[in-house]
Amino acid sequence: MARRIIEVDGERWEVFPSGRVTVYQRDEFGLVFQRGSGADRVRRFMRYAPRGARRWDASLAELSDERLVDFFQHSQPEWTSPDGRLTRALTGRAGG
């Protein structure tokens, strides 16, 4: 799975696809922003629509770090995101 690393306010965040796409497969993708691991893990989610009919991996690779930071600023905490609720339902872990 393609992953990127960005820095936001001095903290390092991993960015990777959430695995959820819309029914059309190419119009909108989910991104996960994750810091830490285990019980200290913090995750945020966002969805975006790439320009043109691109695969998610090519689209993610083409995004600048500045654009990813902008996406981070517009992301939502795990506990408020449908992607985060799905994660909690599958793992039994509360969001952060």
PDB file of N, CA and C in Angstrom:
ATOM      1  N   MET A   1       0.847  -1.171   0.000  1.00  0.00           N
ATOM      2  CA  MET A   1       0.000   0.000   0.000  1.00  0.00           C
ATOM      3  C   MET A   1       0.897   1.241   0.000  1.00  0.00           C
ATOM      4  N   ALA A   2       0.577   2.207  -0.847  1.00  0.00           N
ATOM      5  CA  ALA A   2       1.336   3.452  -0.928  1.00  0.00           C
ATOM      6  C   ALA A   2       1.156   4.264   0.350  1.00  0.00           C
ATOM      7  N   ARG A   3       2.265   4.789   0.857  1.00  0.00           N
ATOM      8  CA  ARG A   3       2.224   5.624   2.050  1.00  0.00           C
ATOM      9  C   ARG A   3       3.084   6.844   1.829  1.00  0.00           C
ATOM     10  N   ARG A   4       2.687   7.938   2.464  1.00  0.00           N
ATOM     11  CA  ARG A   4       3.464   9.168   2.431  1.00  0.00           C
ATOM     12  C   ARG A   4       3.637   9.613   3.873  1.00  0.00           C
ATOM     13  N   ILE A   5       4.638  10.405   4.124  1.00  0.00           N
ATOM     14  CA  ILE A   5       4.877  10.981   5.442  1.00  0.00           C
ATOM     15  C   ILE A   5       4.844  12.501   5.294  1.00  0.00           C
ATOM     16  N   ILE A   6       4.092  13.170   6.167  1.00  0.00           N
ATOM     17  CA  ILE A   6       4.079  14.631   6.189  1.00  0.00           C
ATOM     18  C   ILE A   6       4.334  15.092   7.617  1.00  0.00           C
ATOM     19  N   GLU A   7       4.705  16.348   7.751  1.00  0.00           N
ATOM     20  CA  GLU A   7       4.884  16.938   9.076  1.00  0.00           C
ATOM     21  C   GLU A   7       3.879  18.062   9.240  1.00  0.00           C
ATOM     22  N   VAL A   8       3.144  18.008  10.356  1.00  0.00           N
ATOM     23  CA  VAL A   8       2.138  19.015  10.678  1.00  0.00           C
ATOM     24  C   VAL A   8       2.391  19.472  12.103  1.00  0.00           C
ATOM     25  N   ASP A   9       2.675  20.758  12.271  1.00  0.00           N
ATOM     26  CA  ASP A   9       2.937  21.333  13.595  1.00  0.00           C
ATOM     27  C   ASP A   9       3.998  20.545  14.354  1.00  0.00           C
ATOM     28  N   GLY A  10       5.058  20.148  13.657  1.00  0.00           N
ATOM     29  CA  GLY A  10       6.168  19.439  14.286  1.00  0.00           C
ATOM     30  C   GLY A  10       5.920  17.969  14.563  1.00  0.00           C
ATOM     31  N   GLU A  11       4.771  17.445  14.132  1.00  0.00           N
ATOM     32  CA  GLU A  11       4.460  16.027  14.345  1.00  0.00           C
ATOM     33  C   GLU A  11       4.437  15.307  13.008  1.00  0.00           C
ATOM     34  N   ARG A  12       4.915  14.097  13.022  1.00  0.00           N
ATOM     35  CA  ARG A  12       5.003  13.276  11.812  1.00  0.00           C
ATOM     36  C   ARG A  12       3.728  12.445  11.661  1.00  0.00           C
ATOM     37  N   TRP A  13       3.112  12.526  10.493  1.00  0.00           N
ATOM     38  CA  TRP A  13       1.880  11.800  10.189  1.00  0.00           C
ATOM     39  C   TRP A  13       2.094  10.942   8.952  1.00  0.00           C
ATOM     40  N   GLU A  14       1.654   9.698   9.024  1.00  0.00           N
ATOM     41  CA  GLU A  14       1.627   8.825   7.858  1.00  0.00           C
ATOM     42  C   GLU A  14       0.329   9.101   7.113  1.00  0.00           C
ATOM     43  N   VAL A  15       0.387   9.074   5.796  1.00  0.00           N
ATOM     44  CA  VAL A  15      -0.808   9.264   4.968  1.00  0.00           C
ATOM     45  C   VAL A  15      -0.918   8.062   4.044  1.00  0.00           C
ATOM     46  N   PHE A  16      -2.101   7.448   4.031  1.00  0.00           N
ATOM     47  CA  PHE A  16      -2.309   6.298   3.160  1.00  0.00           C
ATOM     48  C   PHE A  16      -3.795   6.170   2.837  1.00  0.00           C
ATOM     49  N   PRO A  17      -4.127   5.439   1.786  1.00  0.00           N
ATOM     50  CA  PRO A  17      -5.541   5.273   1.414  1.00  0.00           C
ATOM     51  C   PRO A  17      -6.309   4.519   2.492  1.00  0.00           C
ATOM     52  N   SER A  18      -7.561   4.896   2.685  1.00  0.00           N
ATOM     53  CA  SER A  18      -8.390   4.224   3.690  1.00  0.00           C
ATOM     54  C   SER A  18      -8.892   2.875   3.188  1.00  0.00           C
ATOM     55  N   GLY A  19      -8.862   2.694   1.873  1.00  0.00           N
ATOM     56  CA  GLY A  19      -9.395   1.461   1.305  1.00  0.00           C
ATOM     57  C   GLY A  19     -10.839   1.588   0.874  1.00  0.00           C
ATOM     58  N   ARG A  20     -11.481   2.671   1.271  1.00  0.00           N
ATOM     59  CA  ARG A  20     -12.872   2.889   0.868  1.00  0.00           C
ATOM     60  C   ARG A  20     -12.904   3.805  -0.344  1.00  0.00           C
ATOM     61  N   VAL A  21     -13.618   3.409  -1.360  1.00  0.00           N
ATOM     62  CA  VAL A  21     -13.820   4.235  -2.548  1.00  0.00           C
ATOM     63  C   VAL A  21     -15.310   4.269  -2.837  1.00  0.00           C
ATOM     64  N   THR A  22     -15.701   5.230  -3.651  1.00  0.00           N
ATOM     65  CA  THR A  22     -17.114   5.303  -4.007  1.00  0.00           C
ATOM     66  C   THR A  22     -17.443   4.202  -5.002  1.00  0.00           C
ATOM     67  N   VAL A  23     -18.699   4.052  -5.288  1.00  0.00           N
ATOM     68  CA  VAL A  23     -19.167   2.984  -6.158  1.00  0.00           C
ATOM     69  C   VAL A  23     -18.540   3.061  -7.554  1.00  0.00           C
ATOM     70  N   TYR A  24     -18.131   4.237  -7.973  1.00  0.00           N
ATOM     71  CA  TYR A  24     -17.557   4.391  -9.312  1.00  0.00           C
ATOM     72  C   TYR A  24     -16.057   4.120  -9.342  1.00  0.00           C
ATOM     73  N   GLN A  25     -15.434   3.862  -8.203  1.00  0.00           N
ATOM     74  CA  GLN A  25     -14.042   3.434  -8.069  1.00  0.00           C
ATOM     75  C   GLN A  25     -12.994   4.499  -8.349  1.00  0.00           C
ATOM     76  N   ARG A  26     -13.303   5.571  -9.043  1.00  0.00           N
ATOM     77  CA  ARG A  26     -12.259   6.525  -9.401  1.00  0.00           C
ATOM     78  C   ARG A  26     -12.644   7.974  -9.136  1.00  0.00           C
ATOM     79  N   ASP A  27     -13.811   8.247  -8.631  1.00  0.00           N
ATOM     80  CA  ASP A  27     -14.186   9.649  -8.485  1.00  0.00           C
ATOM     81  C   ASP A  27     -13.841  10.219  -7.117  1.00  0.00           C
ATOM     82  N   GLU A  28     -13.733   9.401  -6.098  1.00  0.00           N
ATOM     83  CA  GLU A  28     -13.431   9.902  -4.755  1.00  0.00           C
ATOM     84  C   GLU A  28     -12.741   8.810  -3.946  1.00  0.00           C
ATOM     85  N   PHE A  29     -11.731   9.213  -3.180  1.00  0.00           N
ATOM     86  CA  PHE A  29     -10.956   8.272  -2.386  1.00  0.00           C
ATOM     87  C   PHE A  29     -10.894   8.738  -0.941  1.00  0.00           C
ATOM     88  N   GLY A  30     -10.715   7.797  -0.026  1.00  0.00           N
ATOM     89  CA  GLY A  30     -10.525   8.122   1.371  1.00  0.00           C
ATOM     90  C   GLY A  30      -9.036   8.098   1.710  1.00  0.00           C
ATOM     91  N   LEU A  31      -8.611   9.042   2.552  1.00  0.00           N
ATOM     92  CA  LEU A  31      -7.243   9.080   3.060  1.00  0.00           C
ATOM     93  C   LEU A  31      -7.257   8.959   4.564  1.00  0.00           C
ATOM     94  N   VAL A  32      -6.252   8.289   5.105  1.00  0.00           N
ATOM     95  CA  VAL A  32      -6.052   8.179   6.547  1.00  0.00           C
ATOM     96  C   VAL A  32      -4.784   8.943   6.895  1.00  0.00           C
ATOM     97  N   PHE A  33      -4.863   9.772   7.921  1.00  0.00           N
ATOM     98  CA  PHE A  33      -3.697  10.439   8.498  1.00  0.00           C
ATOM     99  C   PHE A  33      -3.503   9.780   9.856  1.00  0.00           C
ATOM    100  N   GLN A  34      -2.345   9.184  10.085  1.00  0.00           N
ATOM    101  CA  GLN A  34      -2.119   8.422  11.314  1.00  0.00           C
ATOM    102  C   GLN A  34      -0.805   8.830  11.974  1.00  0.00           C
ATOM    103  N   ARG A  35      -0.884   9.027  13.299  1.00  0.00           N
ATOM    104  CA  ARG A  35       0.294   9.327  14.103  1.00  0.00           C
ATOM    105  C   ARG A  35       0.324   8.348  15.253  1.00  0.00           C
ATOM    106  N   GLY A  36       1.493   7.767  15.495  1.00  0.00           N
ATOM    107  CA  GLY A  36       1.643   6.839  16.602  1.00  0.00           C
ATOM    108  C   GLY A  36       1.168   5.442  16.241  1.00  0.00           C
ATOM    109  N   SER A  37       1.149   4.573  17.273  1.00  0.00           N
ATOM    110  CA  SER A  37       0.699   3.199  17.065  1.00  0.00           C
ATOM    111  C   SER A  37       0.093   2.667  18.347  1.00  0.00           C
ATOM    112  N   GLY A  38      -0.557   1.536  18.234  1.00  0.00           N
ATOM    113  CA  GLY A  38      -1.168   0.904  19.398  1.00  0.00           C
ATOM    114  C   GLY A  38      -2.185   1.807  20.072  1.00  0.00           C
ATOM    115  N   ALA A  39      -2.179   1.800  21.388  1.00  0.00           N
ATOM    116  CA  ALA A  39      -3.141   2.589  22.164  1.00  0.00           C
ATOM    117  C   ALA A  39      -2.935   4.090  21.997  1.00  0.00           C
ATOM    118  N   ASP A  40      -1.732   4.506  21.581  1.00  0.00           N
ATOM    119  CA  ASP A  40      -1.426   5.932  21.397  1.00  0.00           C
ATOM    120  C   ASP A  40      -1.725   6.427  19.987  1.00  0.00           C
ATOM    121  N   ARG A  41      -2.243   5.561  19.142  1.00  0.00           N
ATOM    122  CA  ARG A  41      -2.507   5.925  17.746  1.00  0.00           C
ATOM    123  C   ARG A  41      -3.621   6.964  17.644  1.00  0.00           C
ATOM    124  N   VAL A  42      -3.394   7.957  16.801  1.00  0.00           N
ATOM    125  CA  VAL A  42      -4.390   8.981  16.500  1.00  0.00           C
ATOM    126  C   VAL A  42      -4.604   8.943  14.995  1.00  0.00           C
ATOM    127  N   ARG A  43      -5.864   8.899  14.588  1.00  0.00           N
ATOM    128  CA  ARG A  43      -6.160   8.853  13.155  1.00  0.00           C
ATOM    129  C   ARG A  43      -7.195   9.894  12.790  1.00  0.00           C
ATOM    130  N   ARG A  44      -7.010  10.435  11.597  1.00  0.00           N
ATOM    131  CA  ARG A  44      -7.954  11.384  11.014  1.00  0.00           C
ATOM    132  C   ARG A  44      -8.259  10.899   9.595  1.00  0.00           C
ATOM    133  N   PHE A  45      -9.444  11.250   9.096  1.00  0.00           N
ATOM    134  CA  PHE A  45      -9.875  10.778   7.777  1.00  0.00           C
ATOM    135  C   PHE A  45     -10.346  11.941   6.920  1.00  0.00           C
ATOM    136  N   MET A  46     -10.189  11.764   5.629  1.00  0.00           N
ATOM    137  CA  MET A  46     -10.709  12.740   4.668  1.00  0.00           C
ATOM    138  C   MET A  46     -10.933  12.054   3.343  1.00  0.00           C
ATOM    139  N   ARG A  47     -11.831  12.600   2.561  1.00  0.00           N
ATOM    140  CA  ARG A  47     -12.091  12.083   1.220  1.00  0.00           C
ATOM    141  C   ARG A  47     -11.734  13.182   0.234  1.00  0.00           C
ATOM    142  N   TYR A  48     -11.216  12.793  -0.922  1.00  0.00           N
ATOM    143  CA  TYR A  48     -10.905  13.774  -1.950  1.00  0.00           C
ATOM    144  C   TYR A  48     -11.162  13.196  -3.327  1.00  0.00           C
ATOM    145  N   ALA A  49     -11.365  14.100  -4.269  1.00  0.00           N
ATOM    146  CA  ALA A  49     -11.607  13.714  -5.655  1.00  0.00           C
ATOM    147  C   ALA A  49     -10.408  14.157  -6.487  1.00  0.00           C
ATOM    148  N   PRO A  50      -9.650  13.224  -7.027  1.00  0.00           N
ATOM    149  CA  PRO A  50      -8.500  13.592  -7.855  1.00  0.00           C
ATOM    150  C   PRO A  50      -8.951  14.145  -9.207  1.00  0.00           C
ATOM    151  N   ARG A  51      -8.065  14.898  -9.829  1.00  0.00           N
ATOM    152  CA  ARG A  51      -8.374  15.417 -11.169  1.00  0.00           C
ATOM    153  C   ARG A  51      -8.185  14.313 -12.188  1.00  0.00           C
ATOM    154  N   GLY A  52      -9.132  14.179 -13.080  1.00  0.00           N
ATOM    155  CA  GLY A  52      -9.044  13.165 -14.117  1.00  0.00           C
ATOM    156  C   GLY A  52      -9.375  11.786 -13.566  1.00  0.00           C
ATOM    157  N   ALA A  53      -9.406  10.824 -14.428  1.00  0.00           N
ATOM    158  CA  ALA A  53      -9.696   9.447 -14.031  1.00  0.00           C
ATOM    159  C   ALA A  53      -8.384   8.765 -13.669  1.00  0.00           C
ATOM    160  N   ARG A  54      -7.972   8.902 -12.436  1.00  0.00           N
ATOM    161  CA  ARG A  54      -6.700   8.357 -11.979  1.00  0.00           C
ATOM    162  C   ARG A  54      -6.932   7.264 -10.958  1.00  0.00           C
ATOM    163  N   ARG A  55      -5.996   6.357 -10.909  1.00  0.00           N
ATOM    164  CA  ARG A  55      -6.007   5.368  -9.835  1.00  0.00           C
ATOM    165  C   ARG A  55      -5.584   6.073  -8.553  1.00  0.00           C
ATOM    166  N   TRP A  56      -6.039   5.547  -7.415  1.00  0.00           N
ATOM    167  CA  TRP A  56      -5.725   6.188  -6.139  1.00  0.00           C
ATOM    168  C   TRP A  56      -4.235   6.254  -5.882  1.00  0.00           C
ATOM    169  N   ASP A  57      -3.469   5.224  -6.251  1.00  0.00           N
ATOM    170  CA  ASP A  57      -2.038   5.230  -5.962  1.00  0.00           C
ATOM    171  C   ASP A  57      -1.298   6.287  -6.781  1.00  0.00           C
ATOM    172  N   ALA A  58      -1.674   6.440  -8.041  1.00  0.00           N
ATOM    173  CA  ALA A  58      -1.055   7.479  -8.875  1.00  0.00           C
ATOM    174  C   ALA A  58      -1.448   8.858  -8.370  1.00  0.00           C
ATOM    175  N   SER A  59      -2.690   9.023  -7.987  1.00  0.00           N
ATOM    176  CA  SER A  59      -3.161  10.307  -7.485  1.00  0.00           C
ATOM    177  C   SER A  59      -2.433  10.692  -6.191  1.00  0.00           C
ATOM    178  N   LEU A  60      -2.301   9.753  -5.279  1.00  0.00           N
ATOM    179  CA  LEU A  60      -1.616  10.031  -4.016  1.00  0.00           C
ATOM    180  C   LEU A  60      -0.156  10.389  -4.255  1.00  0.00           C
ATOM    181  N   ALA A  61       0.490   9.699  -5.170  1.00  0.00           N
ATOM    182  CA  ALA A  61       1.899   9.968  -5.462  1.00  0.00           C
ATOM    183  C   ALA A  61       2.103  11.364  -6.045  1.00  0.00           C
ATOM    184  N   GLU A  62       1.116  11.866  -6.773  1.00  0.00           N
ATOM    185  CA  GLU A  62       1.232  13.171  -7.416  1.00  0.00           C
ATOM    186  C   GLU A  62       0.918  14.340  -6.487  1.00  0.00           C
ATOM    187  N   LEU A  63       0.305  14.100  -5.344  1.00  0.00           N
ATOM    188  CA  LEU A  63      -0.041  15.186  -4.427  1.00  0.00           C
ATOM    189  C   LEU A  63       1.215  15.743  -3.767  1.00  0.00           C
ATOM    190  N   SER A  64       1.302  17.059  -3.684  1.00  0.00           N
ATOM    191  CA  SER A  64       2.440  17.690  -3.002  1.00  0.00           C
ATOM    192  C   SER A  64       2.260  17.565  -1.489  1.00  0.00           C
ATOM    193  N   ASP A  65       3.359  17.702  -0.754  1.00  0.00           N
ATOM    194  CA  ASP A  65       3.272  17.690   0.708  1.00  0.00           C
ATOM    195  C   ASP A  65       2.377  18.828   1.195  1.00  0.00           C
ATOM    196  N   GLU A  66       2.456  19.986   0.544  1.00  0.00           N
ATOM    197  CA  GLU A  66       1.638  21.133   0.940  1.00  0.00           C
ATOM    198  C   GLU A  66       0.154  20.819   0.781  1.00  0.00           C
ATOM    199  N   ARG A  67      -0.194  20.125  -0.297  1.00  0.00           N
ATOM    200  CA  ARG A  67      -1.596  19.756  -0.516  1.00  0.00           C
ATOM    201  C   ARG A  67      -2.062  18.743   0.527  1.00  0.00           C
ATOM    202  N   LEU A  68      -1.189  17.799   0.869  1.00  0.00           N
ATOM    203  CA  LEU A  68      -1.541  16.828   1.907  1.00  0.00           C
ATOM    204  C   LEU A  68      -1.737  17.506   3.260  1.00  0.00           C
ATOM    205  N   VAL A  69      -0.901  18.508   3.564  1.00  0.00           N
ATOM    206  CA  VAL A  69      -1.078  19.254   4.823  1.00  0.00           C
ATOM    207  C   VAL A  69      -2.416  19.991   4.793  1.00  0.00           C
ATOM    208  N   ASP A  70      -2.769  20.563   3.642  1.00  0.00           N
ATOM    209  CA  ASP A  70      -4.070  21.223   3.506  1.00  0.00           C
ATOM    210  C   ASP A  70      -5.200  20.208   3.718  1.00  0.00           C
ATOM    211  N   PHE A  71      -5.079  19.039   3.123  1.00  0.00           N
ATOM    212  CA  PHE A  71      -6.070  17.988   3.344  1.00  0.00           C
ATOM    213  C   PHE A  71      -6.157  17.631   4.828  1.00  0.00           C
ATOM    214  N   PHE A  72      -5.006  17.529   5.499  1.00  0.00           N
ATOM    215  CA  PHE A  72      -4.985  17.218   6.933  1.00  0.00           C
ATOM    216  C   PHE A  72      -5.798  18.262   7.702  1.00  0.00           C
ATOM    217  N   GLN A  73      -5.602  19.534   7.359  1.00  0.00           N
ATOM    218  CA  GLN A  73      -6.314  20.617   8.055  1.00  0.00           C
ATOM    219  C   GLN A  73      -7.829  20.500   7.888  1.00  0.00           C
ATOM    220  N   HIS A  74      -8.278  19.830   6.846  1.00  0.00           N
ATOM    221  CA  HIS A  74      -9.703  19.653   6.584  1.00  0.00           C
ATOM    222  C   HIS A  74     -10.200  18.241   6.922  1.00  0.00           C
ATOM    223  N   SER A  75      -9.351  17.441   7.512  1.00  0.00           N
ATOM    224  CA  SER A  75      -9.747  16.072   7.851  1.00  0.00           C
ATOM    225  C   SER A  75     -10.576  16.059   9.134  1.00  0.00           C
ATOM    226  N   GLN A  76     -11.192  14.919   9.391  1.00  0.00           N
ATOM    227  CA  GLN A  76     -12.006  14.810  10.600  1.00  0.00           C
ATOM    228  C   GLN A  76     -11.465  13.715  11.511  1.00  0.00           C
ATOM    229  N   PRO A  77     -11.623  13.913  12.830  1.00  0.00           N
ATOM    230  CA  PRO A  77     -11.151  12.909  13.777  1.00  0.00           C
ATOM    231  C   PRO A  77     -11.802  11.553  13.524  1.00  0.00           C
ATOM    232  N   GLU A  78     -11.103  10.522  13.923  1.00  0.00           N
ATOM    233  CA  GLU A  78     -11.563   9.151  13.698  1.00  0.00           C
ATOM    234  C   GLU A  78     -12.991   8.926  14.196  1.00  0.00           C
ATOM    235  N   TRP A  79     -13.309   9.424  15.384  1.00  0.00           N
ATOM    236  CA  TRP A  79     -14.609   9.133  15.980  1.00  0.00           C
ATOM    237  C   TRP A  79     -15.760   9.822  15.259  1.00  0.00           C
ATOM    238  N   THR A  80     -15.477  10.821  14.389  1.00  0.00           N
ATOM    239  CA  THR A  80     -16.552  11.508  13.661  1.00  0.00           C
ATOM    240  C   THR A  80     -16.682  11.048  12.213  1.00  0.00           C
ATOM    241  N   SER A  81     -15.778  10.202  11.770  1.00  0.00           N
ATOM    242  CA  SER A  81     -15.733   9.796  10.371  1.00  0.00           C
ATOM    243  C   SER A  81     -16.408   8.445  10.150  1.00  0.00           C
ATOM    244  N   PRO A  82     -17.129   8.297   9.049  1.00  0.00           N
ATOM    245  CA  PRO A  82     -17.681   6.972   8.730  1.00  0.00           C
ATOM    246  C   PRO A  82     -16.572   5.916   8.625  1.00  0.00           C
ATOM    247  N   ASP A  83     -15.414   6.291   8.081  1.00  0.00           N
ATOM    248  CA  ASP A  83     -14.288   5.357   8.001  1.00  0.00           C
ATOM    249  C   ASP A  83     -13.818   4.970   9.395  1.00  0.00           C
ATOM    250  N   GLY A  84     -13.789   5.905  10.315  1.00  0.00           N
ATOM    251  CA  GLY A  84     -13.377   5.626  11.682  1.00  0.00           C
ATOM    252  C   GLY A  84     -14.374   4.754  12.415  1.00  0.00           C
ATOM    253  N   ARG A  85     -15.647   5.004  12.184  1.00  0.00           N
ATOM    254  CA  ARG A  85     -16.675   4.173  12.816  1.00  0.00           C
ATOM    255  C   ARG A  85     -16.583   2.740  12.317  1.00  0.00           C
ATOM    256  N   LEU A  86     -16.267   2.561  11.053  1.00  0.00           N
ATOM    257  CA  LEU A  86     -16.100   1.218  10.511  1.00  0.00           C
ATOM    258  C   LEU A  86     -14.915   0.528  11.198  1.00  0.00           C
ATOM    259  N   THR A  87     -13.825   1.249  11.382  1.00  0.00           N
ATOM    260  CA  THR A  87     -12.651   0.694  12.056  1.00  0.00           C
ATOM    261  C   THR A  87     -12.996   0.249  13.470  1.00  0.00           C
ATOM    262  N   ARG A  88     -13.727   1.082  14.206  1.00  0.00           N
ATOM    263  CA  ARG A  88     -14.104   0.730  15.580  1.00  0.00           C
ATOM    264  C   ARG A  88     -15.007  -0.487  15.605  1.00  0.00           C
ATOM    265  N   ALA A  89     -15.931  -0.576  14.645  1.00  0.00           N
ATOM    266  CA  ALA A  89     -16.849  -1.714  14.609  1.00  0.00           C
ATOM    267  C   ALA A  89     -16.080  -3.015  14.363  1.00  0.00           C
ATOM    268  N   LEU A  90     -15.051  -2.953  13.534  1.00  0.00           N
ATOM    269  CA  LEU A  90     -14.293  -4.149  13.208  1.00  0.00           C
ATOM    270  C   LEU A  90     -13.296  -4.537  14.287  1.00  0.00           C
ATOM    271  N   THR A  91     -12.737  -3.534  14.981  1.00  0.00           N
ATOM    272  CA  THR A  91     -11.673  -3.830  15.957  1.00  0.00           C
ATOM    273  C   THR A  91     -12.136  -3.729  17.403  1.00  0.00           C
ATOM    274  N   GLY A  92     -13.267  -3.064  17.634  1.00  0.00           N
ATOM    275  CA  GLY A  92     -13.720  -2.867  19.007  1.00  0.00           C
ATOM    276  C   GLY A  92     -12.950  -1.787  19.734  1.00  0.00           C
ATOM    277  N   ARG A  93     -12.081  -1.050  19.014  1.00  0.00           N
ATOM    278  CA  ARG A  93     -11.253  -0.008  19.618  1.00  0.00           C
ATOM    279  C   ARG A  93     -11.937   1.358  19.470  1.00  0.00           C
ATOM    280  N   ALA A  94     -11.967   2.126  20.533  1.00  0.00           N
ATOM    281  CA  ALA A  94     -12.529   3.474  20.494  1.00  0.00           C
ATOM    282  C   ALA A  94     -11.601   4.388  19.713  1.00  0.00           C
ATOM    283  N   GLY A  95     -12.183   5.386  19.056  1.00  0.00           N
ATOM    284  CA  GLY A  95     -11.400   6.343  18.271  1.00  0.00           C
ATOM    285  C   GLY A  95     -10.668   7.325  19.134  1.00  0.00           C
ATOM    286  N   GLY A  96      -9.713   8.052  18.510  1.00  0.00           N
ATOM    287  CA  GLY A  96      -8.939   9.042  19.235  1.00  0.00           C
ATOM    288  C   GLY A  96      -9.049  10.393  18.704  1.00  0.00           C
TER     289      GLY A  96
END
